[in-house]
Amino acid sequence: MERLAQLLTMMRDKPNDPFLIFALALEYRSAEKQAESRGYFERLVNEFPDYVATYYQYGKMEEETGNVRKALELYNKGIEKAKASGDQKTARELQQAIDLMD
């Protein structure tokens, strides 16, 4: 919880930093607080849609909690964003996540 407190403190200074928002989403996810994690992931998708790391982690959380439809939606959106930015590595990782679901 110390790391979470540090991240929340940092957010006061940089409330619109996508890296900090992403770090908070991951921290809440690792603490098994999906509602909080989902809120930060949703913020990233809505406010920073080109932050492609979001789509794999958010999709994986949704997949693990049984929301397969949402996971597929996120993986596919992530592939689209990754390809648009020329990030073929992330696009391949997202495609592999989809392939492993089948």
PDB file of N, CA and C in Angstrom:
ATOM      1  N   MET A   1       0.809  -1.210   0.000  1.00  0.00           N
ATOM      2  CA  MET A   1       0.000   0.000   0.000  1.00  0.00           C
ATOM      3  C   MET A   1       0.851   1.272   0.000  1.00  0.00           C
ATOM      4  N   GLU A   2       2.108   1.131   0.360  1.00  0.00           N
ATOM      5  CA  GLU A   2       2.994   2.294   0.349  1.00  0.00           C
ATOM      6  C   GLU A   2       3.137   2.852  -1.067  1.00  0.00           C
ATOM      7  N   ARG A   3       3.290   1.945  -2.033  1.00  0.00           N
ATOM      8  CA  ARG A   3       3.425   2.378  -3.422  1.00  0.00           C
ATOM      9  C   ARG A   3       2.153   3.103  -3.875  1.00  0.00           C
ATOM     10  N   LEU A   4       1.004   2.588  -3.496  1.00  0.00           N
ATOM     11  CA  LEU A   4      -0.258   3.219  -3.842  1.00  0.00           C
ATOM     12  C   LEU A   4      -0.327   4.628  -3.279  1.00  0.00           C
ATOM     13  N   ALA A   5       0.059   4.791  -2.035  1.00  0.00           N
ATOM     14  CA  ALA A   5       0.056   6.115  -1.401  1.00  0.00           C
ATOM     15  C   ALA A   5       0.995   7.063  -2.139  1.00  0.00           C
ATOM     16  N   GLN A   6       2.155   6.567  -2.540  1.00  0.00           N
ATOM     17  CA  GLN A   6       3.111   7.399  -3.286  1.00  0.00           C
ATOM     18  C   GLN A   6       2.522   7.841  -4.622  1.00  0.00           C
ATOM     19  N   LEU A   7       1.897   6.910  -5.314  1.00  0.00           N
ATOM     20  CA  LEU A   7       1.299   7.245  -6.611  1.00  0.00           C
ATOM     21  C   LEU A   7       0.180   8.261  -6.464  1.00  0.00           C
ATOM     22  N   LEU A   8      -0.651   8.098  -5.452  1.00  0.00           N
ATOM     23  CA  LEU A   8      -1.738   9.055  -5.230  1.00  0.00           C
ATOM     24  C   LEU A   8      -1.194  10.445  -4.900  1.00  0.00           C
ATOM     25  N   THR A   9      -0.112  10.498  -4.155  1.00  0.00           N
ATOM     26  CA  THR A   9       0.532  11.779  -3.850  1.00  0.00           C
ATOM     27  C   THR A   9       1.069  12.414  -5.132  1.00  0.00           C
ATOM     28  N   MET A  10       1.704  11.622  -5.961  1.00  0.00           N
ATOM     29  CA  MET A  10       2.244  12.127  -7.227  1.00  0.00           C
ATOM     30  C   MET A  10       1.128  12.631  -8.141  1.00  0.00           C
ATOM     31  N   MET A  11      -0.029  11.974  -8.076  1.00  0.00           N
ATOM     32  CA  MET A  11      -1.162  12.391  -8.907  1.00  0.00           C
ATOM     33  C   MET A  11      -1.667  13.781  -8.554  1.00  0.00           C
ATOM     34  N   ARG A  12      -1.468  14.179  -7.315  1.00  0.00           N
ATOM     35  CA  ARG A  12      -1.900  15.536  -6.936  1.00  0.00           C
ATOM     36  C   ARG A  12      -1.123  16.588  -7.713  1.00  0.00           C
ATOM     37  N   ASP A  13       0.144  16.294  -7.997  1.00  0.00           N
ATOM     38  CA  ASP A  13       0.983  17.230  -8.744  1.00  0.00           C
ATOM     39  C   ASP A  13       0.793  17.114 -10.257  1.00  0.00           C
ATOM     40  N   LYS A  14       0.489  15.905 -10.719  1.00  0.00           N
ATOM     41  CA  LYS A  14       0.335  15.666 -12.154  1.00  0.00           C
ATOM     42  C   LYS A  14      -0.925  14.835 -12.404  1.00  0.00           C
ATOM     43  N   PRO A  15      -2.094  15.433 -12.221  1.00  0.00           N
ATOM     44  CA  PRO A  15      -3.348  14.662 -12.317  1.00  0.00           C
ATOM     45  C   PRO A  15      -3.659  14.138 -13.715  1.00  0.00           C
ATOM     46  N   ASN A  16      -3.012  14.665 -14.729  1.00  0.00           N
ATOM     47  CA  ASN A  16      -3.294  14.250 -16.102  1.00  0.00           C
ATOM     48  C   ASN A  16      -2.118  13.535 -16.750  1.00  0.00           C
ATOM     49  N   ASP A  17      -1.284  12.919 -15.943  1.00  0.00           N
ATOM     50  CA  ASP A  17      -0.138  12.178 -16.455  1.00  0.00           C
ATOM     51  C   ASP A  17      -0.575  10.739 -16.744  1.00  0.00           C
ATOM     52  N   PRO A  18      -0.618  10.344 -18.023  1.00  0.00           N
ATOM     53  CA  PRO A  18      -1.112   9.004 -18.339  1.00  0.00           C
ATOM     54  C   PRO A  18      -0.273   7.888 -17.714  1.00  0.00           C
ATOM     55  N   PHE A  19       1.022   8.104 -17.545  1.00  0.00           N
ATOM     56  CA  PHE A  19       1.846   7.080 -16.908  1.00  0.00           C
ATOM     57  C   PHE A  19       1.410   6.847 -15.464  1.00  0.00           C
ATOM     58  N   LEU A  20       1.131   7.919 -14.740  1.00  0.00           N
ATOM     59  CA  LEU A  20       0.684   7.779 -13.349  1.00  0.00           C
ATOM     60  C   LEU A  20      -0.701   7.132 -13.273  1.00  0.00           C
ATOM     61  N   ILE A  21      -1.572   7.497 -14.184  1.00  0.00           N
ATOM     62  CA  ILE A  21      -2.903   6.896 -14.218  1.00  0.00           C
ATOM     63  C   ILE A  21      -2.772   5.396 -14.485  1.00  0.00           C
ATOM     64  N   PHE A  22      -1.913   5.037 -15.429  1.00  0.00           N
ATOM     65  CA  PHE A  22      -1.667   3.637 -15.755  1.00  0.00           C
ATOM     66  C   PHE A  22      -1.077   2.895 -14.551  1.00  0.00           C
ATOM     67  N   ALA A  23      -0.112   3.517 -13.891  1.00  0.00           N
ATOM     68  CA  ALA A  23       0.508   2.895 -12.709  1.00  0.00           C
ATOM     69  C   ALA A  23      -0.527   2.658 -11.610  1.00  0.00           C
ATOM     70  N   LEU A  24      -1.431   3.609 -11.417  1.00  0.00           N
ATOM     71  CA  LEU A  24      -2.495   3.426 -10.419  1.00  0.00           C
ATOM     72  C   LEU A  24      -3.432   2.287 -10.810  1.00  0.00           C
ATOM     73  N   ALA A  25      -3.784   2.205 -12.082  1.00  0.00           N
ATOM     74  CA  ALA A  25      -4.642   1.122 -12.541  1.00  0.00           C
ATOM     75  C   ALA A  25      -3.993  -0.232 -12.254  1.00  0.00           C
ATOM     76  N   LEU A  26      -2.694  -0.336 -12.530  1.00  0.00           N
ATOM     77  CA  LEU A  26      -1.981  -1.590 -12.278  1.00  0.00           C
ATOM     78  C   LEU A  26      -1.870  -1.888 -10.793  1.00  0.00           C
ATOM     79  N   GLU A  27      -1.638  -0.862 -10.011  1.00  0.00           N
ATOM     80  CA  GLU A  27      -1.504  -1.058  -8.564  1.00  0.00           C
ATOM     81  C   GLU A  27      -2.819  -1.547  -7.954  1.00  0.00           C
ATOM     82  N   TYR A  28      -3.910  -0.932  -8.350  1.00  0.00           N
ATOM     83  CA  TYR A  28      -5.212  -1.388  -7.857  1.00  0.00           C
ATOM     84  C   TYR A  28      -5.523  -2.797  -8.359  1.00  0.00           C
ATOM     85  N   ARG A  29      -5.123  -3.086  -9.596  1.00  0.00           N
ATOM     86  CA  ARG A  29      -5.344  -4.431 -10.136  1.00  0.00           C
ATOM     87  C   ARG A  29      -4.583  -5.464  -9.316  1.00  0.00           C
ATOM     88  N   SER A  30      -3.332  -5.171  -8.999  1.00  0.00           N
ATOM     89  CA  SER A  30      -2.548  -6.136  -8.226  1.00  0.00           C
ATOM     90  C   SER A  30      -3.086  -6.291  -6.803  1.00  0.00           C
ATOM     91  N   ALA A  31      -3.775  -5.267  -6.310  1.00  0.00           N
ATOM     92  CA  ALA A  31      -4.408  -5.340  -4.992  1.00  0.00           C
ATOM     93  C   ALA A  31      -5.801  -5.975  -5.076  1.00  0.00           C
ATOM     94  N   GLU A  32      -6.157  -6.450  -6.277  1.00  0.00           N
ATOM     95  CA  GLU A  32      -7.447  -7.081  -6.540  1.00  0.00           C
ATOM     96  C   GLU A  32      -8.626  -6.155  -6.248  1.00  0.00           C
ATOM     97  N   LYS A  33      -8.425  -4.899  -6.574  1.00  0.00           N
ATOM     98  CA  LYS A  33      -9.494  -3.893  -6.460  1.00  0.00           C
ATOM     99  C   LYS A  33      -9.895  -3.503  -7.884  1.00  0.00           C
ATOM    100  N   GLN A  34     -10.658  -4.420  -8.519  1.00  0.00           N
ATOM    101  CA  GLN A  34     -10.998  -4.248  -9.924  1.00  0.00           C
ATOM    102  C   GLN A  34     -11.799  -2.985 -10.205  1.00  0.00           C
ATOM    103  N   ALA A  35     -12.697  -2.611  -9.334  1.00  0.00           N
ATOM    104  CA  ALA A  35     -13.520  -1.423  -9.591  1.00  0.00           C
ATOM    105  C   ALA A  35     -12.643  -0.179  -9.701  1.00  0.00           C
ATOM    106  N   GLU A  36     -11.706  -0.027  -8.780  1.00  0.00           N
ATOM    107  CA  GLU A  36     -10.801   1.118  -8.821  1.00  0.00           C
ATOM    108  C   GLU A  36      -9.898   1.044 -10.044  1.00  0.00           C
ATOM    109  N   SER A  37      -9.375  -0.142 -10.297  1.00  0.00           N
ATOM    110  CA  SER A  37      -8.509  -0.341 -11.453  1.00  0.00           C
ATOM    111  C   SER A  37      -9.255  -0.011 -12.742  1.00  0.00           C
ATOM    112  N   ARG A  38     -10.458  -0.538 -12.866  1.00  0.00           N
ATOM    113  CA  ARG A  38     -11.278  -0.308 -14.057  1.00  0.00           C
ATOM    114  C   ARG A  38     -11.523   1.194 -14.265  1.00  0.00           C
ATOM    115  N   GLY A  39     -11.738   1.923 -13.193  1.00  0.00           N
ATOM    116  CA  GLY A  39     -11.956   3.362 -13.309  1.00  0.00           C
ATOM    117  C   GLY A  39     -10.766   4.076 -13.928  1.00  0.00           C
ATOM    118  N   TYR A  40      -9.577   3.711 -13.493  1.00  0.00           N
ATOM    119  CA  TYR A  40      -8.372   4.329 -14.058  1.00  0.00           C
ATOM    120  C   TYR A  40      -8.135   3.867 -15.490  1.00  0.00           C
ATOM    121  N   PHE A  41      -8.368   2.580 -15.781  1.00  0.00           N
ATOM    122  CA  PHE A  41      -8.223   2.107 -17.158  1.00  0.00           C
ATOM    123  C   PHE A  41      -9.217   2.809 -18.075  1.00  0.00           C
ATOM    124  N   GLU A  42     -10.458   2.977 -17.617  1.00  0.00           N
ATOM    125  CA  GLU A  42     -11.458   3.670 -18.429  1.00  0.00           C
ATOM    126  C   GLU A  42     -11.053   5.120 -18.700  1.00  0.00           C
ATOM    127  N   ARG A  43     -10.488   5.728 -17.696  1.00  0.00           N
ATOM    128  CA  ARG A  43     -10.019   7.103 -17.885  1.00  0.00           C
ATOM    129  C   ARG A  43      -8.949   7.148 -18.968  1.00  0.00           C
ATOM    130  N   LEU A  44      -8.040   6.192 -18.947  1.00  0.00           N
ATOM    131  CA  LEU A  44      -6.999   6.148 -19.979  1.00  0.00           C
ATOM    132  C   LEU A  44      -7.591   5.948 -21.364  1.00  0.00           C
ATOM    133  N   VAL A  45      -8.515   5.005 -21.487  1.00  0.00           N
ATOM    134  CA  VAL A  45      -9.132   4.731 -22.788  1.00  0.00           C
ATOM    135  C   VAL A  45      -9.862   5.967 -23.307  1.00  0.00           C
ATOM    136  N   ASN A  46     -10.538   6.676 -22.421  1.00  0.00           N
ATOM    137  CA  ASN A  46     -11.319   7.851 -22.837  1.00  0.00           C
ATOM    138  C   ASN A  46     -10.474   9.097 -23.052  1.00  0.00           C
ATOM    139  N   GLU A  47      -9.519   9.350 -22.164  1.00  0.00           N
ATOM    140  CA  GLU A  47      -8.758  10.601 -22.238  1.00  0.00           C
ATOM    141  C   GLU A  47      -7.416  10.459 -22.959  1.00  0.00           C
ATOM    142  N   PHE A  48      -6.857   9.250 -22.974  1.00  0.00           N
ATOM    143  CA  PHE A  48      -5.550   9.015 -23.586  1.00  0.00           C
ATOM    144  C   PHE A  48      -5.621   7.749 -24.445  1.00  0.00           C
ATOM    145  N   PRO A  49      -6.472   7.755 -25.471  1.00  0.00           N
ATOM    146  CA  PRO A  49      -6.701   6.536 -26.248  1.00  0.00           C
ATOM    147  C   PRO A  49      -5.465   6.010 -26.978  1.00  0.00           C
ATOM    148  N   ASP A  50      -4.458   6.830 -27.146  1.00  0.00           N
ATOM    149  CA  ASP A  50      -3.244   6.388 -27.827  1.00  0.00           C
ATOM    150  C   ASP A  50      -2.208   5.796 -26.874  1.00  0.00           C
ATOM    151  N   TYR A  51      -2.527   5.708 -25.596  1.00  0.00           N
ATOM    152  CA  TYR A  51      -1.628   5.085 -24.615  1.00  0.00           C
ATOM    153  C   TYR A  51      -1.851   3.574 -24.721  1.00  0.00           C
ATOM    154  N   VAL A  52      -1.141   2.947 -25.677  1.00  0.00           N
ATOM    155  CA  VAL A  52      -1.462   1.581 -26.089  1.00  0.00           C
ATOM    156  C   VAL A  52      -1.222   0.515 -25.031  1.00  0.00           C
ATOM    157  N   ALA A  53      -0.381   0.765 -24.062  1.00  0.00           N
ATOM    158  CA  ALA A  53      -0.147  -0.232 -23.012  1.00  0.00           C
ATOM    159  C   ALA A  53      -1.437  -0.538 -22.242  1.00  0.00           C
ATOM    160  N   THR A  54      -2.336   0.394 -22.228  1.00  0.00           N
ATOM    161  CA  THR A  54      -3.608   0.242 -21.521  1.00  0.00           C
ATOM    162  C   THR A  54      -4.391  -0.964 -22.015  1.00  0.00           C
ATOM    163  N   TYR A  55      -4.436  -1.148 -23.312  1.00  0.00           N
ATOM    164  CA  TYR A  55      -5.346  -2.124 -23.903  1.00  0.00           C
ATOM    165  C   TYR A  55      -5.012  -3.565 -23.514  1.00  0.00           C
ATOM    166  N   TYR A  56      -3.741  -3.888 -23.429  1.00  0.00           N
ATOM    167  CA  TYR A  56      -3.378  -5.252 -23.030  1.00  0.00           C
ATOM    168  C   TYR A  56      -3.731  -5.484 -21.560  1.00  0.00           C
ATOM    169  N   GLN A  57      -3.297  -4.575 -20.699  1.00  0.00           N
ATOM    170  CA  GLN A  57      -3.514  -4.768 -19.261  1.00  0.00           C
ATOM    171  C   GLN A  57      -5.001  -4.726 -18.895  1.00  0.00           C
ATOM    172  N   TYR A  58      -5.708  -3.795 -19.461  1.00  0.00           N
ATOM    173  CA  TYR A  58      -7.145  -3.685 -19.190  1.00  0.00           C
ATOM    174  C   TYR A  58      -7.866  -4.909 -19.753  1.00  0.00           C
ATOM    175  N   GLY A  59      -7.506  -5.296 -20.978  1.00  0.00           N
ATOM    176  CA  GLY A  59      -8.103  -6.472 -21.582  1.00  0.00           C
ATOM    177  C   GLY A  59      -7.841  -7.731 -20.775  1.00  0.00           C
ATOM    178  N   LYS A  60      -6.624  -7.875 -20.287  1.00  0.00           N
ATOM    179  CA  LYS A  60      -6.267  -9.049 -19.502  1.00  0.00           C
ATOM    180  C   LYS A  60      -7.081  -9.095 -18.208  1.00  0.00           C
ATOM    181  N   MET A  61      -7.264  -7.944 -17.563  1.00  0.00           N
ATOM    182  CA  MET A  61      -8.067  -7.910 -16.346  1.00  0.00           C
ATOM    183  C   MET A  61      -9.505  -8.332 -16.652  1.00  0.00           C
ATOM    184  N   GLU A  62     -10.061  -7.802 -17.734  1.00  0.00           N
ATOM    185  CA  GLU A  62     -11.438  -8.152 -18.095  1.00  0.00           C
ATOM    186  C   GLU A  62     -11.542  -9.638 -18.438  1.00  0.00           C
ATOM    187  N   GLU A  63     -10.552 -10.154 -19.139  1.00  0.00           N
ATOM    188  CA  GLU A  63     -10.540 -11.577 -19.476  1.00  0.00           C
ATOM    189  C   GLU A  63     -10.512 -12.435 -18.206  1.00  0.00           C
ATOM    190  N   GLU A  64      -9.647 -12.072 -17.270  1.00  0.00           N
ATOM    191  CA  GLU A  64      -9.499 -12.840 -16.032  1.00  0.00           C
ATOM    192  C   GLU A  64     -10.741 -12.779 -15.149  1.00  0.00           C
ATOM    193  N   THR A  65     -11.522 -11.726 -15.278  1.00  0.00           N
ATOM    194  CA  THR A  65     -12.744 -11.611 -14.473  1.00  0.00           C
ATOM    195  C   THR A  65     -13.975 -12.118 -15.231  1.00  0.00           C
ATOM    196  N   GLY A  66     -13.742 -12.744 -16.395  1.00  0.00           N
ATOM    197  CA  GLY A  66     -14.820 -13.386 -17.131  1.00  0.00           C
ATOM    198  C   GLY A  66     -15.550 -12.523 -18.137  1.00  0.00           C
ATOM    199  N   ASN A  67     -15.106 -11.301 -18.319  1.00  0.00           N
ATOM    200  CA  ASN A  67     -15.761 -10.407 -19.272  1.00  0.00           C
ATOM    201  C   ASN A  67     -15.038 -10.506 -20.620  1.00  0.00           C
ATOM    202  N   VAL A  68     -15.233 -11.636 -21.291  1.00  0.00           N
ATOM    203  CA  VAL A  68     -14.513 -11.948 -22.524  1.00  0.00           C
ATOM    204  C   VAL A  68     -14.842 -10.968 -23.650  1.00  0.00           C
ATOM    205  N   ARG A  69     -16.100 -10.593 -23.751  1.00  0.00           N
ATOM    206  CA  ARG A  69     -16.500  -9.651 -24.808  1.00  0.00           C
ATOM    207  C   ARG A  69     -15.753  -8.320 -24.673  1.00  0.00           C
ATOM    208  N   LYS A  70     -15.686  -7.796 -23.464  1.00  0.00           N
ATOM    209  CA  LYS A  70     -14.971  -6.536 -23.221  1.00  0.00           C
ATOM    210  C   LYS A  70     -13.481  -6.716 -23.500  1.00  0.00           C
ATOM    211  N   ALA A  71     -12.913  -7.852 -23.099  1.00  0.00           N
ATOM    212  CA  ALA A  71     -11.497  -8.117 -23.346  1.00  0.00           C
ATOM    213  C   ALA A  71     -11.200  -8.095 -24.840  1.00  0.00           C
ATOM    214  N   LEU A  72     -12.017  -8.777 -25.623  1.00  0.00           N
ATOM    215  CA  LEU A  72     -11.820  -8.787 -27.083  1.00  0.00           C
ATOM    216  C   LEU A  72     -11.928  -7.388 -27.678  1.00  0.00           C
ATOM    217  N   GLU A  73     -12.894  -6.637 -27.188  1.00  0.00           N
ATOM    218  CA  GLU A  73     -13.071  -5.255 -27.649  1.00  0.00           C
ATOM    219  C   GLU A  73     -11.803  -4.441 -27.380  1.00  0.00           C
ATOM    220  N   LEU A  74     -11.267  -4.590 -26.183  1.00  0.00           N
ATOM    221  CA  LEU A  74     -10.066  -3.843 -25.814  1.00  0.00           C
ATOM    222  C   LEU A  74      -8.845  -4.290 -26.611  1.00  0.00           C
ATOM    223  N   TYR A  75      -8.672  -5.597 -26.749  1.00  0.00           N
ATOM    224  CA  TYR A  75      -7.534  -6.094 -27.530  1.00  0.00           C
ATOM    225  C   TYR A  75      -7.602  -5.587 -28.967  1.00  0.00           C
ATOM    226  N   ASN A  76      -8.789  -5.655 -29.584  1.00  0.00           N
ATOM    227  CA  ASN A  76      -8.924  -5.198 -30.974  1.00  0.00           C
ATOM    228  C   ASN A  76      -8.699  -3.699 -31.117  1.00  0.00           C
ATOM    229  N   LYS A  77      -9.225  -2.926 -30.180  1.00  0.00           N
ATOM    230  CA  LYS A  77      -9.005  -1.470 -30.204  1.00  0.00           C
ATOM    231  C   LYS A  77      -7.517  -1.171 -30.029  1.00  0.00           C
ATOM    232  N   GLY A  78      -6.863  -1.925 -29.151  1.00  0.00           N
ATOM    233  CA  GLY A  78      -5.432  -1.750 -28.936  1.00  0.00           C
ATOM    234  C   GLY A  78      -4.621  -2.057 -30.182  1.00  0.00           C
ATOM    235  N   ILE A  79      -5.006  -3.114 -30.896  1.00  0.00           N
ATOM    236  CA  ILE A  79      -4.316  -3.451 -32.153  1.00  0.00           C
ATOM    237  C   ILE A  79      -4.438  -2.296 -33.138  1.00  0.00           C
ATOM    238  N   GLU A  80      -5.638  -1.763 -33.240  1.00  0.00           N
ATOM    239  CA  GLU A  80      -5.892  -0.627 -34.140  1.00  0.00           C
ATOM    240  C   GLU A  80      -5.003   0.572 -33.777  1.00  0.00           C
ATOM    241  N   LYS A  81      -4.968   0.899 -32.493  1.00  0.00           N
ATOM    242  CA  LYS A  81      -4.164   2.047 -32.036  1.00  0.00           C
ATOM    243  C   LYS A  81      -2.668   1.786 -32.203  1.00  0.00           C
ATOM    244  N   ALA A  82      -2.238   0.562 -31.892  1.00  0.00           N
ATOM    245  CA  ALA A  82      -0.817   0.224 -32.007  1.00  0.00           C
ATOM    246  C   ALA A  82      -0.360   0.303 -33.462  1.00  0.00           C
ATOM    247  N   LYS A  83      -1.159  -0.252 -34.368  1.00  0.00           N
ATOM    248  CA  LYS A  83      -0.807  -0.202 -35.787  1.00  0.00           C
ATOM    249  C   LYS A  83      -0.772   1.237 -36.292  1.00  0.00           C
ATOM    250  N   ALA A  84      -1.718   2.045 -35.843  1.00  0.00           N
ATOM    251  CA  ALA A  84      -1.778   3.442 -36.271  1.00  0.00           C
ATOM    252  C   ALA A  84      -0.529   4.212 -35.842  1.00  0.00           C
ATOM    253  N   SER A  85       0.040   3.812 -34.705  1.00  0.00           N
ATOM    254  CA  SER A  85       1.238   4.507 -34.223  1.00  0.00           C
ATOM    255  C   SER A  85       2.532   3.815 -34.662  1.00  0.00           C
ATOM    256  N   GLY A  86       2.405   2.726 -35.429  1.00  0.00           N
ATOM    257  CA  GLY A  86       3.582   2.009 -35.908  1.00  0.00           C
ATOM    258  C   GLY A  86       4.191   1.066 -34.885  1.00  0.00           C
ATOM    259  N   ASP A  87       3.457   0.765 -33.833  1.00  0.00           N
ATOM    260  CA  ASP A  87       3.950  -0.105 -32.760  1.00  0.00           C
ATOM    261  C   ASP A  87       3.546  -1.555 -33.064  1.00  0.00           C
ATOM    262  N   GLN A  88       4.300  -2.181 -33.950  1.00  0.00           N
ATOM    263  CA  GLN A  88       3.977  -3.540 -34.384  1.00  0.00           C
ATOM    264  C   GLN A  88       4.155  -4.571 -33.264  1.00  0.00           C
ATOM    265  N   LYS A  89       5.114  -4.330 -32.373  1.00  0.00           N
ATOM    266  CA  LYS A  89       5.353  -5.264 -31.268  1.00  0.00           C
ATOM    267  C   LYS A  89       4.110  -5.371 -30.378  1.00  0.00           C
ATOM    268  N   THR A  90       3.548  -4.228 -30.005  1.00  0.00           N
ATOM    269  CA  THR A  90       2.350  -4.235 -29.167  1.00  0.00           C
ATOM    270  C   THR A  90       1.171  -4.822 -29.925  1.00  0.00           C
ATOM    271  N   ALA A  91       1.066  -4.524 -31.213  1.00  0.00           N
ATOM    272  CA  ALA A  91      -0.018  -5.097 -32.020  1.00  0.00           C
ATOM    273  C   ALA A  91       0.069  -6.620 -32.022  1.00  0.00           C
ATOM    274  N   ARG A  92       1.284  -7.161 -32.152  1.00  0.00           N
ATOM    275  CA  ARG A  92       1.466  -8.622 -32.130  1.00  0.00           C
ATOM    276  C   ARG A  92       1.109  -9.208 -30.764  1.00  0.00           C
ATOM    277  N   GLU A  93       1.515  -8.530 -29.687  1.00  0.00           N
ATOM    278  CA  GLU A  93       1.199  -9.011 -28.340  1.00  0.00           C
ATOM    279  C   GLU A  93      -0.308  -9.051 -28.103  1.00  0.00           C
ATOM    280  N   LEU A  94      -0.996  -8.044 -28.577  1.00  0.00           N
ATOM    281  CA  LEU A  94      -2.450  -8.005 -28.438  1.00  0.00           C
ATOM    282  C   LEU A  94      -3.104  -9.102 -29.271  1.00  0.00           C
ATOM    283  N   GLN A  95      -2.584  -9.328 -30.471  1.00  0.00           N
ATOM    284  CA  GLN A  95      -3.125 -10.405 -31.312  1.00  0.00           C
ATOM    285  C   GLN A  95      -2.884 -11.766 -30.657  1.00  0.00           C
ATOM    286  N   GLN A  96      -1.727 -11.936 -30.030  1.00  0.00           N
ATOM    287  CA  GLN A  96      -1.440 -13.189 -29.330  1.00  0.00           C
ATOM    288  C   GLN A  96      -2.415 -13.403 -28.166  1.00  0.00           C
ATOM    289  N   ALA A  97      -2.762 -12.319 -27.481  1.00  0.00           N
ATOM    290  CA  ALA A  97      -3.732 -12.427 -26.396  1.00  0.00           C
ATOM    291  C   ALA A  97      -5.072 -12.917 -26.927  1.00  0.00           C
ATOM    292  N   ILE A  98      -5.473 -12.413 -28.090  1.00  0.00           N
ATOM    293  CA  ILE A  98      -6.718 -12.863 -28.711  1.00  0.00           C
ATOM    294  C   ILE A  98      -6.605 -14.328 -29.112  1.00  0.00           C
ATOM    295  N   ASP A  99      -5.493 -14.682 -29.725  1.00  0.00           N
ATOM    296  CA  ASP A  99      -5.298 -16.065 -30.173  1.00  0.00           C
ATOM    297  C   ASP A  99      -5.343 -17.053 -29.016  1.00  0.00           C
ATOM    298  N   LEU A 100      -4.809 -16.652 -27.878  1.00  0.00           N
ATOM    299  CA  LEU A 100      -4.798 -17.531 -26.711  1.00  0.00           C
ATOM    300  C   LEU A 100      -6.194 -17.694 -26.106  1.00  0.00           C
ATOM    301  N   MET A 101      -7.078 -16.766 -26.392  1.00  0.00           N
ATOM    302  CA  MET A 101      -8.454 -16.865 -25.880  1.00  0.00           C
ATOM    303  C   MET A 101      -9.239 -17.939 -26.614  1.00  0.00           C
ATOM    304  N   ASP A 102      -8.890 -18.183 -27.878  1.00  0.00           N
ATOM    305  CA  ASP A 102      -9.652 -19.139 -28.700  1.00  0.00           C
ATOM    306  C   ASP A 102      -9.445 -20.535 -28.309  1.00  0.00           C
TER     307      ASP A 102
END
